[in-house]
C-alpha atoms as a PDB file:
ATOM      1  CA  MET A   1      29.684  56.900  16.399  1.00  0.00           C
ATOM      2  CA  MET A   2      32.682  55.234  14.583  1.00  0.00           C
ATOM      3  CA  THR A   3      32.472  52.274  17.035  1.00  0.00           C
ATOM      4  CA  ARG A   4      28.927  51.506  15.964  1.00  0.00           C
ATOM      5  CA  GLY A   5      29.792  51.429  12.352  1.00  0.00           C
ATOM      6  CA  LEU A   6      32.789  49.350  12.912  1.00  0.00           C
ATOM      7  CA  PHE A   7      30.656  46.875  15.057  1.00  0.00           C
ATOM      8  CA  ALA A   8      28.015  46.675  12.270  1.00  0.00           C
ATOM      9  CA  MET A   9      30.695  46.032   9.772  1.00  0.00           C
ATOM     10  CA  VAL A  10      32.366  43.332  11.758  1.00  0.00           C
ATOM     11  CA  LEU A  11      28.986  41.686  12.639  1.00  0.00           C
ATOM     12  CA  GLY A  12      27.843  41.813   8.991  1.00  0.00           C
ATOM     13  CA  MET A  13      31.110  40.325   7.837  1.00  0.00           C
ATOM     14  CA  ALA A  14      30.950  37.574  10.475  1.00  0.00           C
ATOM     15  CA  LEU A  15      27.384  36.686   9.355  1.00  0.00           C
ATOM     16  CA  PHE A  16      28.388  36.606   5.721  1.00  0.00           C
ATOM     17  CA  LEU A  17      31.322  34.290   6.357  1.00  0.00           C
ATOM     18  CA  ALA A  18      29.120  32.055   8.367  1.00  0.00           C
ATOM     19  CA  ALA A  19      26.662  31.679   5.719  1.00  0.00           C
ATOM     20  CA  CYS A  20      29.396  30.865   3.190  1.00  0.00           C
ATOM     21  CA  THR A  21      31.149  28.309   5.194  1.00  0.00           C
ATOM     22  CA  SER A  22      28.201  26.210   6.243  1.00  0.00           C
ATOM     23  CA  THR A  23      29.007  22.579   6.777  1.00  0.00           C
ATOM     24  CA  SER A  24      25.579  21.212   6.469  1.00  0.00           C
ATOM     25  CA  GLU A  25      25.140  18.332   4.115  1.00  0.00           C
ATOM     26  CA  PRO A  26      22.501  18.269   1.574  1.00  0.00           C
ATOM     27  CA  ASP A  27      19.471  16.001   2.412  1.00  0.00           C
ATOM     28  CA  PRO A  28      20.211  12.494   0.926  1.00  0.00           C
ATOM     29  CA  ARG A  29      16.695  11.600   0.544  1.00  0.00           C
ATOM     30  CA  PRO A  30      15.076  12.115  -2.880  1.00  0.00           C
ATOM     31  CA  ALA A  31      12.611  14.932  -3.297  1.00  0.00           C
ATOM     32  CA  LEU A  32       8.931  13.993  -2.916  1.00  0.00           C
ATOM     33  CA  PRO A  33       7.147  14.077  -6.311  1.00  0.00           C
ATOM     34  CA  ARG A  34       4.078  16.406  -5.477  1.00  0.00           C
ATOM     35  CA  ASN A  35       2.155  14.749  -8.370  1.00  0.00           C
ATOM     36  CA  LEU A  36       2.208  11.416  -6.481  1.00  0.00           C
ATOM     37  CA  VAL A  37       0.184  12.572  -3.478  1.00  0.00           C
ATOM     38  CA  GLY A  38      -3.478  11.792  -3.829  1.00  0.00           C
ATOM     39  CA  VAL A  39      -5.781   8.975  -5.048  1.00  0.00           C
ATOM     40  CA  TRP A  40      -4.781   6.814  -8.021  1.00  0.00           C
ATOM     41  CA  VAL A  41      -7.268   4.160  -9.425  1.00  0.00           C
ATOM     42  CA  LEU A  42      -6.165   1.333 -11.677  1.00  0.00           C
ATOM     43  CA  GLU A  43      -7.410   1.874 -15.221  1.00  0.00           C
ATOM     44  CA  GLY A  44      -5.774  -1.208 -16.799  1.00  0.00           C
ATOM     45  CA  GLU A  45      -2.725  -3.365 -17.060  1.00  0.00           C
ATOM     46  CA  THR A  46      -0.585  -4.271 -20.253  1.00  0.00           C
ATOM     47  CA  ALA A  47       0.575  -7.819 -21.006  1.00  0.00           C
ATOM     48  CA  GLY A  48       4.017  -6.706 -19.878  1.00  0.00           C
ATOM     49  CA  GLY A  49       2.749  -5.966 -16.335  1.00  0.00           C
ATOM     50  CA  ILE A  50       2.639  -2.150 -16.674  1.00  0.00           C
ATOM     51  CA  ARG A  51      -0.130  -0.731 -14.569  1.00  0.00           C
ATOM     52  CA  ILE A  52      -1.955   2.434 -15.751  1.00  0.00           C
ATOM     53  CA  PHE A  53      -3.510   4.527 -13.067  1.00  0.00           C
ATOM     54  CA  THR A  54      -5.725   7.673 -13.267  1.00  0.00           C
ATOM     55  CA  ARG A  55      -6.193  10.336 -10.646  1.00  0.00           C
ATOM     56  CA  SER A  56      -9.516  10.120  -8.740  1.00  0.00           C
ATOM     57  CA  ALA A  57     -11.431  11.957  -6.009  1.00  0.00           C
ATOM     58  CA  ALA A  58     -11.580   8.849  -3.728  1.00  0.00           C
ATOM     59  CA  LEU A  59     -11.017   4.985  -3.437  1.00  0.00           C
ATOM     60  CA  SER A  60     -14.284   3.565  -4.026  1.00  0.00           C
ATOM     61  CA  GLY A  61     -16.394   1.043  -6.058  1.00  0.00           C
ATOM     62  CA  ASN A  62     -14.886  -2.028  -7.895  1.00  0.00           C
ATOM     63  CA  HIS A  63     -11.614  -0.504  -8.624  1.00  0.00           C
ATOM     64  CA  PRO A  64      -8.217  -1.275  -7.187  1.00  0.00           C
ATOM     65  CA  GLY A  65      -5.968   1.769  -6.248  1.00  0.00           C
ATOM     66  CA  TYR A  66      -3.757   3.576  -4.154  1.00  0.00           C
ATOM     67  CA  GLU A  67      -4.205   6.766  -1.856  1.00  0.00           C
ATOM     68  CA  PHE A  68      -0.691   8.276  -1.119  1.00  0.00           C
ATOM     69  CA  GLY A  69      -0.639  10.643   1.798  1.00  0.00           C
ATOM     70  CA  GLU A  70       1.808  13.590   1.887  1.00  0.00           C
ATOM     71  CA  HIS A  71       3.774  12.244   4.926  1.00  0.00           C
ATOM     72  CA  GLY A  72       3.957   8.493   3.901  1.00  0.00           C
ATOM     73  CA  GLY A  73       0.487   7.325   4.834  1.00  0.00           C
ATOM     74  CA  LEU A  74      -1.147   4.942   2.433  1.00  0.00           C
ATOM     75  CA  LYS A  75      -4.352   3.153   1.657  1.00  0.00           C
ATOM     76  CA  VAL A  76      -4.516   0.356  -0.722  1.00  0.00           C
ATOM     77  CA  ARG A  77      -7.945  -0.731  -2.283  1.00  0.00           C
ATOM     78  CA  LYS A  78      -8.037  -4.424  -3.108  1.00  0.00           C
ATOM     79  CA  SER A  79     -10.559  -7.001  -3.757  1.00  0.00           C
ATOM     80  CA  GLY A  80     -10.986 -10.130  -1.678  1.00  0.00           C
ATOM     81  CA  TRP A  81      -8.645 -13.074  -2.111  1.00  0.00           C
ATOM     82  CA  CYS A  82     -11.126 -15.014  -4.170  1.00  0.00           C
ATOM     83  CA  GLY A  83     -11.558 -13.317  -7.735  1.00  0.00           C
ATOM     84  CA  THR A  84     -14.934 -14.966  -8.427  1.00  0.00           C
ATOM     85  CA  PRO A  85     -18.042 -12.746  -8.159  1.00  0.00           C
ATOM     86  CA  PRO A  86     -19.350 -11.342  -6.011  1.00  0.00           C
ATOM     87  CA  ALA A  87     -16.005  -9.692  -5.170  1.00  0.00           C
ATOM     88  CA  THR A  88     -15.680  -7.823  -1.938  1.00  0.00           C
ATOM     89  CA  TRP A  89     -13.549  -4.758  -1.751  1.00  0.00           C
ATOM     90  CA  SER A  90     -11.724  -3.127   1.169  1.00  0.00           C
ATOM     91  CA  ASN A  91      -8.985  -0.576   1.945  1.00  0.00           C
ATOM     92  CA  HIS A  92      -5.824  -1.533   3.693  1.00  0.00           C
ATOM     93  CA  GLU A  93      -3.720   0.814   5.653  1.00  0.00           C
ATOM     94  CA  GLY A  94       0.090   1.013   5.154  1.00  0.00           C
ATOM     95  CA  LEU A  95       3.098   3.145   4.497  1.00  0.00           C
ATOM     96  CA  TRP A  96       4.931   4.294   1.414  1.00  0.00           C
ATOM     97  CA  ASN A  97       8.535   5.535   1.161  1.00  0.00           C
ATOM     98  CA  LEU A  98      10.554   6.939  -1.735  1.00  0.00           C
ATOM     99  CA  VAL A  99      13.477   4.844  -2.307  1.00  0.00           C
ATOM    100  CA  ASP A 100      14.902   6.916  -5.197  1.00  0.00           C
ATOM    101  CA  ASN A 101      13.475   9.096  -7.877  1.00  0.00           C
ATOM    102  CA  ARG A 102      11.734   6.093  -9.626  1.00  0.00           C
ATOM    103  CA  HIS A 103      10.896   3.381  -6.910  1.00  0.00           C
ATOM    104  CA  LEU A 104       8.486   3.449  -4.093  1.00  0.00           C
ATOM    105  CA  LYS A 105       8.599   0.966  -1.200  1.00  0.00           C
ATOM    106  CA  ILE A 106       5.024   0.004  -0.392  1.00  0.00           C
ATOM    107  CA  CYS A 107       4.104  -1.800   2.938  1.00  0.00           C
ATOM    108  CA  HIS A 108       0.521  -2.603   3.856  1.00  0.00           C
ATOM    109  CA  THR A 109      -1.684  -4.873   5.847  1.00  0.00           C
ATOM    110  CA  TRP A 110      -3.354  -7.737   4.089  1.00  0.00           C
ATOM    111  CA  ARG A 111      -5.592 -10.765   5.097  1.00  0.00           C
ATOM    112  CA  GLY A 112      -2.546 -13.133   5.025  1.00  0.00           C
ATOM    113  CA  GLY A 113      -0.136 -10.749   6.669  1.00  0.00           C
ATOM    114  CA  PRO A 114       1.836  -7.649   5.809  1.00  0.00           C
ATOM    115  CA  ARG A 115       2.680  -7.158   2.167  1.00  0.00           C
ATOM    116  CA  GLU A 116       5.876  -5.406   1.011  1.00  0.00           C
ATOM    117  CA  TYR A 117       7.029  -4.608  -2.450  1.00  0.00           C
ATOM    118  CA  GLN A 118       8.466  -1.863  -4.690  1.00  0.00           C
ATOM    119  CA  LEU A 119       6.740   0.057  -7.468  1.00  0.00           C
ATOM    120  CA  GLU A 120       8.771   1.424 -10.232  1.00  0.00           C
ATOM    121  CA  ILE A 121       7.311   4.755 -11.444  1.00  0.00           C
ATOM    122  CA  LEU A 122       7.652   4.788 -15.292  1.00  0.00           C
ATOM    123  CA  SER A 123       5.768   8.007 -15.772  1.00  0.00           C
ATOM    124  CA  LEU A 124       3.810  10.438 -13.484  1.00  0.00           C
ATOM    125  CA  GLY A 125       1.853  13.239 -14.678  1.00  0.00           C
ATOM    126  CA  PRO A 126      -0.914  15.335 -13.113  1.00  0.00           C
ATOM    127  CA  ARG A 127      -3.685  12.785 -14.252  1.00  0.00           C
ATOM    128  CA  ARG A 128      -1.967   9.647 -15.134  1.00  0.00           C
ATOM    129  CA  MET A 129       0.634   7.320 -13.675  1.00  0.00           C
ATOM    130  CA  THR A 130       2.299   4.249 -15.157  1.00  0.00           C
ATOM    131  CA  CYS A 131       4.311   1.833 -13.016  1.00  0.00           C
ATOM    132  CA  ARG A 132       5.165  -1.808 -12.465  1.00  0.00           C
ATOM    133  CA  VAL A 133       5.869  -4.014  -9.404  1.00  0.00           C
ATOM    134  CA  THR A 134       9.649  -4.662  -9.307  1.00  0.00           C
ATOM    135  CA  THR A 135       9.859  -6.754  -6.202  1.00  0.00           C
ATOM    136  CA  GLY A 136       7.550  -8.723  -3.744  1.00  0.00           C
ATOM    137  CA  SER A 137       4.111  -9.976  -4.374  1.00  0.00           C
ATOM    138  CA  GLY A 138       2.314  -6.939  -5.796  1.00  0.00           C
ATOM    139  CA  SER A 139      -0.874  -4.882  -4.968  1.00  0.00           C
END
């Protein structure tokens, strides 16, 4: 009976020490902002290039936007290359990646080849997001 108690105590102590001396490194990637996942439709743009997006149920109509998937999938809604009416709208597949807690790397297909740029997230709430393109050609 004493041996079982001693064994249980030694096992418990070993498990405790193993948990306390873990050598695992913290994940160096920034945490995924849960508010980002979903559909964002462009509401407007300021003279300084700040883009204002609102959350939406879907990408549709005559509005550019992004659909950010939970695991890095992306759809970008854009009009055709010619800005004169009648404008045609299409969705382009791509990927997004969190660079740090404020910047997203955006890569997507486009008529003239792949597009790659970064978005700087200035504010992100449950219904509204403001950002600006910081590198590349934009969305």
